[in-house]
Amino acid sequence: MSGALERWYAICDERDPAALNTLIAENAVFFSPVVYTPQVGKAKVIGYLKAAAEILFNDSFRYVRELRGTDEAMLEFTVTIEGIEVNGIDLIRWNMHQEITEFRVWLRPLKGLQIVQQLMARKLSAQRHPAQKAK
């Protein structure tokens, strides 16, 4: 089995958020740049990552730098969203079972953060209220 980080890269490359189910630990925590409280638990973390994938994984998304430790990595990325170039960092930690236990995201510039916040709010609302999606 490949490591957690390699599995994360595969999910990003294949644009396959369904594979998150086998990568995210039950007690995982997600730290969003736009939500002030940590999101705790596998289902919440997957929900946030799926919403983010729908927004960020366009043709311009690229990881441009990686700093890797034994059980954590910092990945710098760039993406253009609605004409705004956004720079970000994913700080990912995993356990001995190669499951992601913590995922933190930072974004810049402020205009990029604001557009991501707006789009994430819509995606997360649609996840919580799927019947309203059709309206």
C-alpha atoms as a PDB file:
ATOM      1  CA  MET A   1       0.000   0.000   0.000  1.00  0.00           C
ATOM      2  CA  SER A   2       1.326   3.423  -0.871  1.00  0.00           C
ATOM      3  CA  GLY A   3       1.619   6.128   1.751  1.00  0.00           C
ATOM      4  CA  ALA A   4      -1.016   8.666   2.679  1.00  0.00           C
ATOM      5  CA  LEU A   5       0.594  11.455   0.705  1.00  0.00           C
ATOM      6  CA  GLU A   6       0.904   9.385  -2.457  1.00  0.00           C
ATOM      7  CA  ARG A   7      -2.761   8.410  -2.097  1.00  0.00           C
ATOM      8  CA  TRP A   8      -3.680  12.096  -1.667  1.00  0.00           C
ATOM      9  CA  TYR A   9      -1.779  12.995  -4.845  1.00  0.00           C
ATOM     10  CA  ALA A  10      -3.581  10.192  -6.705  1.00  0.00           C
ATOM     11  CA  ILE A  11      -6.969  11.544  -5.583  1.00  0.00           C
ATOM     12  CA  CYS A  12      -5.955  15.002  -6.815  1.00  0.00           C
ATOM     13  CA  ASP A  13      -4.598  13.715 -10.138  1.00  0.00           C
ATOM     14  CA  GLU A  14      -7.568  11.467 -10.821  1.00  0.00           C
ATOM     15  CA  ARG A  15     -10.088  14.008  -9.487  1.00  0.00           C
ATOM     16  CA  ASP A  16     -11.572  11.138  -7.460  1.00  0.00           C
ATOM     17  CA  PRO A  17     -12.949  12.451  -4.144  1.00  0.00           C
ATOM     18  CA  ALA A  18     -14.792   9.137  -3.589  1.00  0.00           C
ATOM     19  CA  ALA A  19     -11.405   7.637  -2.677  1.00  0.00           C
ATOM     20  CA  LEU A  20     -11.279   9.893   0.392  1.00  0.00           C
ATOM     21  CA  ASN A  21     -13.323   7.330   2.302  1.00  0.00           C
ATOM     22  CA  THR A  22     -10.332   5.002   2.591  1.00  0.00           C
ATOM     23  CA  LEU A  23      -7.810   7.792   3.221  1.00  0.00           C
ATOM     24  CA  ILE A  24      -9.389   9.883   5.983  1.00  0.00           C
ATOM     25  CA  ALA A  25      -9.136   8.608   9.576  1.00  0.00           C
ATOM     26  CA  GLU A  26     -12.291   8.323  11.706  1.00  0.00           C
ATOM     27  CA  ASN A  27     -11.048  10.998  14.130  1.00  0.00           C
ATOM     28  CA  ALA A  28      -9.661  13.352  11.466  1.00  0.00           C
ATOM     29  CA  VAL A  29      -9.797  17.133  11.901  1.00  0.00           C
ATOM     30  CA  PHE A  30     -10.087  19.767   9.161  1.00  0.00           C
ATOM     31  CA  PHE A  31      -8.979  23.374   9.743  1.00  0.00           C
ATOM     32  CA  SER A  32     -10.523  25.687   7.166  1.00  0.00           C
ATOM     33  CA  PRO A  33      -9.201  29.152   6.349  1.00  0.00           C
ATOM     34  CA  VAL A  34     -12.780  30.470   6.477  1.00  0.00           C
ATOM     35  CA  VAL A  35     -14.373  28.576   9.389  1.00  0.00           C
ATOM     36  CA  TYR A  36     -13.078  29.458  12.843  1.00  0.00           C
ATOM     37  CA  THR A  37     -13.825  26.096  14.478  1.00  0.00           C
ATOM     38  CA  PRO A  38     -12.089  22.822  13.618  1.00  0.00           C
ATOM     39  CA  GLN A  39     -14.293  20.367  11.740  1.00  0.00           C
ATOM     40  CA  VAL A  40     -13.985  17.047  13.567  1.00  0.00           C
ATOM     41  CA  GLY A  41     -14.785  13.575  12.260  1.00  0.00           C
ATOM     42  CA  LYS A  42     -14.376  11.637   9.053  1.00  0.00           C
ATOM     43  CA  ALA A  43     -17.720  12.657   7.528  1.00  0.00           C
ATOM     44  CA  LYS A  44     -17.146  16.384   8.085  1.00  0.00           C
ATOM     45  CA  VAL A  45     -13.581  16.272   6.809  1.00  0.00           C
ATOM     46  CA  ILE A  46     -14.656  14.405   3.678  1.00  0.00           C
ATOM     47  CA  GLY A  47     -17.500  16.881   3.149  1.00  0.00           C
ATOM     48  CA  TYR A  48     -15.131  19.846   3.280  1.00  0.00           C
ATOM     49  CA  LEU A  49     -12.530  18.180   1.066  1.00  0.00           C
ATOM     50  CA  LYS A  50     -15.145  17.182  -1.526  1.00  0.00           C
ATOM     51  CA  ALA A  51     -16.523  20.725  -1.638  1.00  0.00           C
ATOM     52  CA  ALA A  52     -13.000  22.130  -1.949  1.00  0.00           C
ATOM     53  CA  ALA A  53     -12.185  19.660  -4.727  1.00  0.00           C
ATOM     54  CA  GLU A  54     -15.193  20.841  -6.739  1.00  0.00           C
ATOM     55  CA  ILE A  55     -13.941  24.419  -6.468  1.00  0.00           C
ATOM     56  CA  LEU A  56     -10.183  24.005  -6.703  1.00  0.00           C
ATOM     57  CA  PHE A  57      -9.612  21.039  -9.013  1.00  0.00           C
ATOM     58  CA  ASN A  58      -9.834  22.852 -12.306  1.00  0.00           C
ATOM     59  CA  ASP A  59      -7.277  22.730 -15.134  1.00  0.00           C
ATOM     60  CA  SER A  60      -5.136  25.420 -13.492  1.00  0.00           C
ATOM     61  CA  PHE A  61      -4.658  23.644 -10.130  1.00  0.00           C
ATOM     62  CA  ARG A  62      -1.021  22.718  -9.478  1.00  0.00           C
ATOM     63  CA  TYR A  63       1.030  21.709  -6.483  1.00  0.00           C
ATOM     64  CA  VAL A  64       4.246  23.687  -6.889  1.00  0.00           C
ATOM     65  CA  ARG A  65       6.259  22.771  -3.782  1.00  0.00           C
ATOM     66  CA  GLU A  66       6.380  20.067  -1.136  1.00  0.00           C
ATOM     67  CA  LEU A  67       8.052  19.899   2.269  1.00  0.00           C
ATOM     68  CA  ARG A  68       7.791  16.386   3.681  1.00  0.00           C
ATOM     69  CA  GLY A  69       8.408  14.901   7.124  1.00  0.00           C
ATOM     70  CA  THR A  70       7.872  11.375   8.417  1.00  0.00           C
ATOM     71  CA  ASP A  71       4.188  11.851   9.223  1.00  0.00           C
ATOM     72  CA  GLU A  72       3.345  15.244   7.758  1.00  0.00           C
ATOM     73  CA  ALA A  73       3.781  17.352   4.649  1.00  0.00           C
ATOM     74  CA  MET A  74       3.239  20.922   3.555  1.00  0.00           C
ATOM     75  CA  LEU A  75       2.063  21.279  -0.036  1.00  0.00           C
ATOM     76  CA  GLU A  76       1.972  24.670  -1.740  1.00  0.00           C
ATOM     77  CA  PHE A  77      -0.501  25.079  -4.595  1.00  0.00           C
ATOM     78  CA  THR A  78      -1.712  27.628  -7.116  1.00  0.00           C
ATOM     79  CA  VAL A  79      -5.053  27.786  -8.857  1.00  0.00           C
ATOM     80  CA  THR A  80      -7.004  30.390 -10.806  1.00  0.00           C
ATOM     81  CA  ILE A  81     -10.640  30.788  -9.766  1.00  0.00           C
ATOM     82  CA  GLU A  82     -12.910  33.224 -11.582  1.00  0.00           C
ATOM     83  CA  GLY A  83      -9.855  35.076 -12.898  1.00  0.00           C
ATOM     84  CA  ILE A  84      -8.186  35.360  -9.483  1.00  0.00           C
ATOM     85  CA  GLU A  85      -4.844  33.640  -8.897  1.00  0.00           C
ATOM     86  CA  VAL A  86      -5.008  31.936  -5.516  1.00  0.00           C
ATOM     87  CA  ASN A  87      -2.004  30.604  -3.629  1.00  0.00           C
ATOM     88  CA  GLY A  88      -2.474  28.110  -0.839  1.00  0.00           C
ATOM     89  CA  ILE A  89      -0.867  25.654   1.489  1.00  0.00           C
ATOM     90  CA  ASP A  90      -2.193  22.279   2.596  1.00  0.00           C
ATOM     91  CA  LEU A  91      -0.637  20.999   5.814  1.00  0.00           C
ATOM     92  CA  ILE A  92      -1.417  17.286   6.027  1.00  0.00           C
ATOM     93  CA  ARG A  93      -0.672  14.872   8.873  1.00  0.00           C
ATOM     94  CA  TRP A  94      -1.227  11.125   8.848  1.00  0.00           C
ATOM     95  CA  ASN A  95      -1.068   8.224  11.271  1.00  0.00           C
ATOM     96  CA  MET A  96       0.839   4.948  11.223  1.00  0.00           C
ATOM     97  CA  HIS A  97      -2.012   3.373   9.216  1.00  0.00           C
ATOM     98  CA  GLN A  98      -1.377   5.944   6.447  1.00  0.00           C
ATOM     99  CA  GLU A  99      -4.710   7.684   7.082  1.00  0.00           C
ATOM    100  CA  ILE A 100      -4.962  11.466   7.108  1.00  0.00           C
ATOM    101  CA  THR A 101      -5.640  12.675  10.651  1.00  0.00           C
ATOM    102  CA  GLU A 102      -5.315  16.426  10.182  1.00  0.00           C
ATOM    103  CA  PHE A 103      -5.752  18.709   7.196  1.00  0.00           C
ATOM    104  CA  ARG A 104      -5.114  22.472   7.465  1.00  0.00           C
ATOM    105  CA  VAL A 105      -5.525  24.966   4.635  1.00  0.00           C
ATOM    106  CA  TRP A 106      -4.187  28.511   4.222  1.00  0.00           C
ATOM    107  CA  LEU A 107      -5.083  30.790   1.286  1.00  0.00           C
ATOM    108  CA  ARG A 108      -3.991  34.145  -0.093  1.00  0.00           C
ATOM    109  CA  PRO A 109      -4.606  36.832  -1.288  1.00  0.00           C
ATOM    110  CA  LEU A 110      -7.657  38.145   0.561  1.00  0.00           C
ATOM    111  CA  LYS A 111      -9.647  38.439  -2.691  1.00  0.00           C
ATOM    112  CA  GLY A 112      -8.887  34.773  -3.416  1.00  0.00           C
ATOM    113  CA  LEU A 113      -9.881  33.758   0.097  1.00  0.00           C
ATOM    114  CA  GLN A 114     -13.158  35.645  -0.276  1.00  0.00           C
ATOM    115  CA  ILE A 115     -14.116  33.956  -3.553  1.00  0.00           C
ATOM    116  CA  VAL A 116     -13.247  30.519  -2.146  1.00  0.00           C
ATOM    117  CA  GLN A 117     -15.307  31.308   0.975  1.00  0.00           C
ATOM    118  CA  GLN A 118     -18.342  32.224  -1.140  1.00  0.00           C
ATOM    119  CA  LEU A 119     -18.069  29.141  -3.337  1.00  0.00           C
ATOM    120  CA  MET A 120     -17.440  26.814  -0.371  1.00  0.00           C
ATOM    121  CA  ALA A 121     -20.495  28.205   1.441  1.00  0.00           C
ATOM    122  CA  ARG A 122     -22.653  27.336  -1.580  1.00  0.00           C
ATOM    123  CA  LYS A 123     -21.166  23.830  -1.956  1.00  0.00           C
ATOM    124  CA  LEU A 124     -21.478  23.006   1.746  1.00  0.00           C
ATOM    125  CA  SER A 125     -25.030  24.314   1.853  1.00  0.00           C
ATOM    126  CA  ALA A 126     -25.899  22.100  -1.133  1.00  0.00           C
ATOM    127  CA  GLN A 127     -24.367  19.095   0.701  1.00  0.00           C
ATOM    128  CA  ARG A 128     -26.511  19.784   3.775  1.00  0.00           C
ATOM    129  CA  HIS A 129     -29.670  20.587   1.820  1.00  0.00           C
ATOM    130  CA  PRO A 130     -29.591  18.487  -1.379  1.00  0.00           C
ATOM    131  CA  ALA A 131     -33.271  19.158  -2.195  1.00  0.00           C
ATOM    132  CA  GLN A 132     -32.544  22.882  -2.564  1.00  0.00           C
ATOM    133  CA  LYS A 133     -29.833  22.113  -5.123  1.00  0.00           C
ATOM    134  CA  ALA A 134     -32.428  21.519  -7.843  1.00  0.00           C
ATOM    135  CA  LYS A 135     -33.990  24.972  -7.347  1.00  0.00           C
END
